[in-house]
C-alpha cells in the first residue's frame, strides 16, 4: 500500500463545555474540563467532525494538555466516508509539543473503509488551524 498525504484547514464552529467530572474528585494543580466541539474542514480534507475534548488547562498561563476523539464525516483526498481519529498535545503557553495523532483502526466507512495511519495539527501565527493525514486505504 502507498501512504498518501491530505491536508486542510479547519474552524471550530461550536465549543460547548460539559458538566462532567471524575468521581471521586481529585484536587490537582490544574482544572480538568470536558467539552464537545463541532469542526468544519476545507481543502483536501473536507467535511465536519463531532469531537469529545478533554483538557487539564490553565487559562491565565496557557499551560496544559488536551486529549480529543473526533468522529469525521466527509472526504479525504478523493475518498468519502467516515472514521475516527484521536489526538493530544501539550503546551507550556507558547509552544506545542508531545503530540500524538492516530486514525482509529477499523473505524472507517464508505470509501474510507480500511483507512489507517496518522497525521497532525498545527496552528499558524495568524490563528489558522491546519490538519493533515498520512494514511493508507485497503
C-alpha atoms as a PDB file:
ATOM      1  CA  UNK A   1       0.000   0.000   0.000  1.00  0.00           C
ATOM      2  CA  UNK A   2       1.069   3.554  -0.684  1.00  0.00           C
ATOM      3  CA  UNK A   3       0.959   6.208   2.055  1.00  0.00           C
ATOM      4  CA  UNK A   4      -0.994   9.270   0.880  1.00  0.00           C
ATOM      5  CA  UNK A   5      -0.979  12.733   2.461  1.00  0.00           C
ATOM      6  CA  UNK A   6      -4.033  15.012   2.501  1.00  0.00           C
ATOM      7  CA  UNK A   7      -4.184  18.365   4.267  1.00  0.00           C
ATOM      8  CA  UNK A   8      -6.681  21.088   5.005  1.00  0.00           C
ATOM      9  CA  UNK A   9      -7.732  23.797   7.387  1.00  0.00           C
ATOM     10  CA  UNK A  10     -10.477  23.731   9.984  1.00  0.00           C
ATOM     11  CA  UNK A  11     -12.586  26.049  12.097  1.00  0.00           C
ATOM     12  CA  UNK A  12     -14.266  25.305  15.386  1.00  0.00           C
ATOM     13  CA  UNK A  13     -17.897  26.344  14.877  1.00  0.00           C
ATOM     14  CA  UNK A  14     -19.081  25.284  18.348  1.00  0.00           C
ATOM     15  CA  UNK A  15     -17.312  24.630  21.661  1.00  0.00           C
ATOM     16  CA  UNK A  16     -19.701  23.504  24.391  1.00  0.00           C
ATOM     17  CA  UNK A  17     -18.371  22.780  27.901  1.00  0.00           C
ATOM     18  CA  UNK A  18     -19.917  19.686  29.501  1.00  0.00           C
ATOM     19  CA  UNK A  19     -20.918  19.304  33.140  1.00  0.00           C
ATOM     20  CA  UNK A  20     -18.843  16.186  33.699  1.00  0.00           C
ATOM     21  CA  UNK A  21     -16.154  15.435  36.251  1.00  0.00           C
ATOM     22  CA  UNK A  22     -14.352  12.420  37.606  1.00  0.00           C
ATOM     23  CA  UNK A  23     -15.745  10.769  40.724  1.00  0.00           C
ATOM     24  CA  UNK A  24     -14.337  10.631  43.260  1.00  0.00           C
ATOM     25  CA  UNK A  25     -12.808  14.068  42.650  1.00  0.00           C
ATOM     26  CA  UNK A  26      -9.047  14.555  42.945  1.00  0.00           C
ATOM     27  CA  UNK A  27      -7.634  18.040  43.525  1.00  0.00           C
ATOM     28  CA  UNK A  28      -4.710  18.817  41.198  1.00  0.00           C
ATOM     29  CA  UNK A  29      -2.796  21.944  40.194  1.00  0.00           C
ATOM     30  CA  UNK A  30      -4.860  22.387  37.016  1.00  0.00           C
ATOM     31  CA  UNK A  31      -8.595  22.057  36.493  1.00  0.00           C
ATOM     32  CA  UNK A  32      -9.820  19.299  34.155  1.00  0.00           C
ATOM     33  CA  UNK A  33     -12.594  20.134  31.746  1.00  0.00           C
ATOM     34  CA  UNK A  34     -14.654  18.272  29.163  1.00  0.00           C
ATOM     35  CA  UNK A  35     -16.361  19.780  26.127  1.00  0.00           C
ATOM     36  CA  UNK A  36     -17.880  18.876  22.789  1.00  0.00           C
ATOM     37  CA  UNK A  37     -16.773  20.577  19.598  1.00  0.00           C
ATOM     38  CA  UNK A  38     -18.182  20.922  16.090  1.00  0.00           C
ATOM     39  CA  UNK A  39     -15.461  21.489  13.474  1.00  0.00           C
ATOM     40  CA  UNK A  40     -15.642  22.236   9.727  1.00  0.00           C
ATOM     41  CA  UNK A  41     -12.808  21.235   7.383  1.00  0.00           C
ATOM     42  CA  UNK A  42     -11.782  22.627   3.990  1.00  0.00           C
ATOM     43  CA  UNK A  43      -9.120  21.647   1.457  1.00  0.00           C
ATOM     44  CA  UNK A  44      -8.059  18.092   0.617  1.00  0.00           C
ATOM     45  CA  UNK A  45      -9.737  17.225   3.934  1.00  0.00           C
ATOM     46  CA  UNK A  46     -13.337  18.432   3.582  1.00  0.00           C
ATOM     47  CA  UNK A  47     -16.245  17.785   5.913  1.00  0.00           C
ATOM     48  CA  UNK A  48     -17.119  18.023   9.574  1.00  0.00           C
ATOM     49  CA  UNK A  49     -16.300  16.347  12.857  1.00  0.00           C
ATOM     50  CA  UNK A  50     -18.007  15.832  16.181  1.00  0.00           C
ATOM     51  CA  UNK A  51     -15.336  15.977  18.889  1.00  0.00           C
ATOM     52  CA  UNK A  52     -15.107  14.917  22.525  1.00  0.00           C
ATOM     53  CA  UNK A  53     -12.448  17.167  24.051  1.00  0.00           C
ATOM     54  CA  UNK A  54     -10.760  16.864  27.467  1.00  0.00           C
ATOM     55  CA  UNK A  55      -8.093  19.150  28.877  1.00  0.00           C
ATOM     56  CA  UNK A  56      -6.163  19.952  32.020  1.00  0.00           C
ATOM     57  CA  UNK A  57      -5.517  23.621  31.319  1.00  0.00           C
ATOM     58  CA  UNK A  58      -4.740  26.956  32.976  1.00  0.00           C
ATOM     59  CA  UNK A  59      -6.357  29.848  31.079  1.00  0.00           C
ATOM     60  CA  UNK A  60      -4.079  32.521  32.585  1.00  0.00           C
ATOM     61  CA  UNK A  61      -0.743  30.907  31.657  1.00  0.00           C
ATOM     62  CA  UNK A  62      -1.900  28.905  28.627  1.00  0.00           C
ATOM     63  CA  UNK A  63      -0.261  25.764  30.058  1.00  0.00           C
ATOM     64  CA  UNK A  64      -1.856  22.365  29.775  1.00  0.00           C
ATOM     65  CA  UNK A  65      -2.579  19.197  27.853  1.00  0.00           C
ATOM     66  CA  UNK A  66      -5.576  18.209  25.737  1.00  0.00           C
ATOM     67  CA  UNK A  67      -6.869  14.864  24.527  1.00  0.00           C
ATOM     68  CA  UNK A  68      -9.546  14.602  21.825  1.00  0.00           C
ATOM     69  CA  UNK A  69     -11.516  11.910  19.987  1.00  0.00           C
ATOM     70  CA  UNK A  70     -13.047  13.017  16.691  1.00  0.00           C
ATOM     71  CA  UNK A  71     -15.690  11.385  14.511  1.00  0.00           C
ATOM     72  CA  UNK A  72     -15.095  12.721  10.975  1.00  0.00           C
ATOM     73  CA  UNK A  73     -17.585  12.700   8.088  1.00  0.00           C
ATOM     74  CA  UNK A  74     -16.554  13.888   4.623  1.00  0.00           C
ATOM     75  CA  UNK A  75     -13.761  13.385   2.108  1.00  0.00           C
ATOM     76  CA  UNK A  76     -10.042  12.828   2.497  1.00  0.00           C
ATOM     77  CA  UNK A  77      -8.367  13.184  -0.866  1.00  0.00           C
ATOM     78  CA  UNK A  78     -10.839  11.557  -3.275  1.00  0.00           C
ATOM     79  CA  UNK A  79     -12.308   9.109  -0.717  1.00  0.00           C
ATOM     80  CA  UNK A  80     -15.641   9.794   1.007  1.00  0.00           C
ATOM     81  CA  UNK A  81     -16.930   8.290   4.244  1.00  0.00           C
ATOM     82  CA  UNK A  82     -16.452   8.450   7.991  1.00  0.00           C
ATOM     83  CA  UNK A  83     -13.784   7.459  10.533  1.00  0.00           C
ATOM     84  CA  UNK A  84     -12.471   8.289  13.996  1.00  0.00           C
ATOM     85  CA  UNK A  85      -9.160   9.869  14.888  1.00  0.00           C
ATOM     86  CA  UNK A  86      -7.567  10.753  18.214  1.00  0.00           C
ATOM     87  CA  UNK A  87      -5.007  13.394  19.107  1.00  0.00           C
ATOM     88  CA  UNK A  88      -3.356  15.087  22.043  1.00  0.00           C
ATOM     89  CA  UNK A  89      -0.796  17.819  22.620  1.00  0.00           C
ATOM     90  CA  UNK A  90       0.836  19.751  25.441  1.00  0.00           C
ATOM     91  CA  UNK A  91       1.666  23.451  25.654  1.00  0.00           C
ATOM     92  CA  UNK A  92       3.754  25.491  28.039  1.00  0.00           C
ATOM     93  CA  UNK A  93       1.892  28.587  26.873  1.00  0.00           C
ATOM     94  CA  UNK A  94       3.887  29.464  23.740  1.00  0.00           C
ATOM     95  CA  UNK A  95       4.745  26.084  22.252  1.00  0.00           C
ATOM     96  CA  UNK A  96       3.149  22.808  21.141  1.00  0.00           C
ATOM     97  CA  UNK A  97       4.881  19.522  21.987  1.00  0.00           C
ATOM     98  CA  UNK A  98       4.433  15.859  22.897  1.00  0.00           C
ATOM     99  CA  UNK A  99       1.868  15.454  20.118  1.00  0.00           C
ATOM    100  CA  UNK A 100       0.013  12.224  19.434  1.00  0.00           C
ATOM    101  CA  UNK A 101      -2.236  11.675  16.394  1.00  0.00           C
ATOM    102  CA  UNK A 102      -3.713   8.426  15.086  1.00  0.00           C
ATOM    103  CA  UNK A 103      -6.534   7.205  12.872  1.00  0.00           C
ATOM    104  CA  UNK A 104      -8.550   4.636  14.835  1.00  0.00           C
ATOM    105  CA  UNK A 105      -8.227   1.202  13.164  1.00  0.00           C
ATOM    106  CA  UNK A 106     -11.447  -0.407  11.827  1.00  0.00           C
ATOM    107  CA  UNK A 107     -13.396   2.881  12.209  1.00  0.00           C
ATOM    108  CA  UNK A 108     -13.708   3.792   8.519  1.00  0.00           C
ATOM    109  CA  UNK A 109     -16.878   3.511   6.412  1.00  0.00           C
ATOM    110  CA  UNK A 110     -17.695   4.056   2.744  1.00  0.00           C
ATOM    111  CA  UNK A 111     -14.648   4.785   0.571  1.00  0.00           C
ATOM    112  CA  UNK A 112     -12.696   5.327   3.819  1.00  0.00           C
ATOM    113  CA  UNK A 113     -13.277   1.755   4.993  1.00  0.00           C
ATOM    114  CA  UNK A 114      -9.904   0.301   5.943  1.00  0.00           C
ATOM    115  CA  UNK A 115      -8.258   3.705   6.476  1.00  0.00           C
ATOM    116  CA  UNK A 116      -5.274   3.642   8.810  1.00  0.00           C
ATOM    117  CA  UNK A 117      -2.410   5.978   9.569  1.00  0.00           C
ATOM    118  CA  UNK A 118      -1.508   9.126  11.423  1.00  0.00           C
ATOM    119  CA  UNK A 119      -1.306  12.866  10.905  1.00  0.00           C
ATOM    120  CA  UNK A 120      -1.061  16.072  12.815  1.00  0.00           C
ATOM    121  CA  UNK A 121      -2.404  19.503  13.613  1.00  0.00           C
ATOM    122  CA  UNK A 122      -0.827  22.941  13.805  1.00  0.00           C
ATOM    123  CA  UNK A 123      -1.946  26.497  14.474  1.00  0.00           C
ATOM    124  CA  UNK A 124      -0.302  29.236  12.393  1.00  0.00           C
ATOM    125  CA  UNK A 125       0.684  32.563  13.967  1.00  0.00           C
ATOM    126  CA  UNK A 126      -2.353  34.151  12.261  1.00  0.00           C
ATOM    127  CA  UNK A 127      -4.659  31.647  14.007  1.00  0.00           C
ATOM    128  CA  UNK A 128      -5.260  29.360  11.000  1.00  0.00           C
ATOM    129  CA  UNK A 129      -5.798  25.766  12.189  1.00  0.00           C
ATOM    130  CA  UNK A 130      -4.252  23.088   9.967  1.00  0.00           C
ATOM    131  CA  UNK A 131      -4.737  19.317   9.832  1.00  0.00           C
ATOM    132  CA  UNK A 132      -3.071  16.603   7.767  1.00  0.00           C
ATOM    133  CA  UNK A 133      -3.474  12.873   7.427  1.00  0.00           C
ATOM    134  CA  UNK A 134      -0.804  10.413   6.275  1.00  0.00           C
ATOM    135  CA  UNK A 135      -2.876   7.350   5.505  1.00  0.00           C
ATOM    136  CA  UNK A 136      -3.338   4.127   3.593  1.00  0.00           C
ATOM    137  CA  UNK A 137      -6.579   2.595   2.327  1.00  0.00           C
ATOM    138  CA  UNK A 138      -7.268  -1.122   1.780  1.00  0.00           C
END
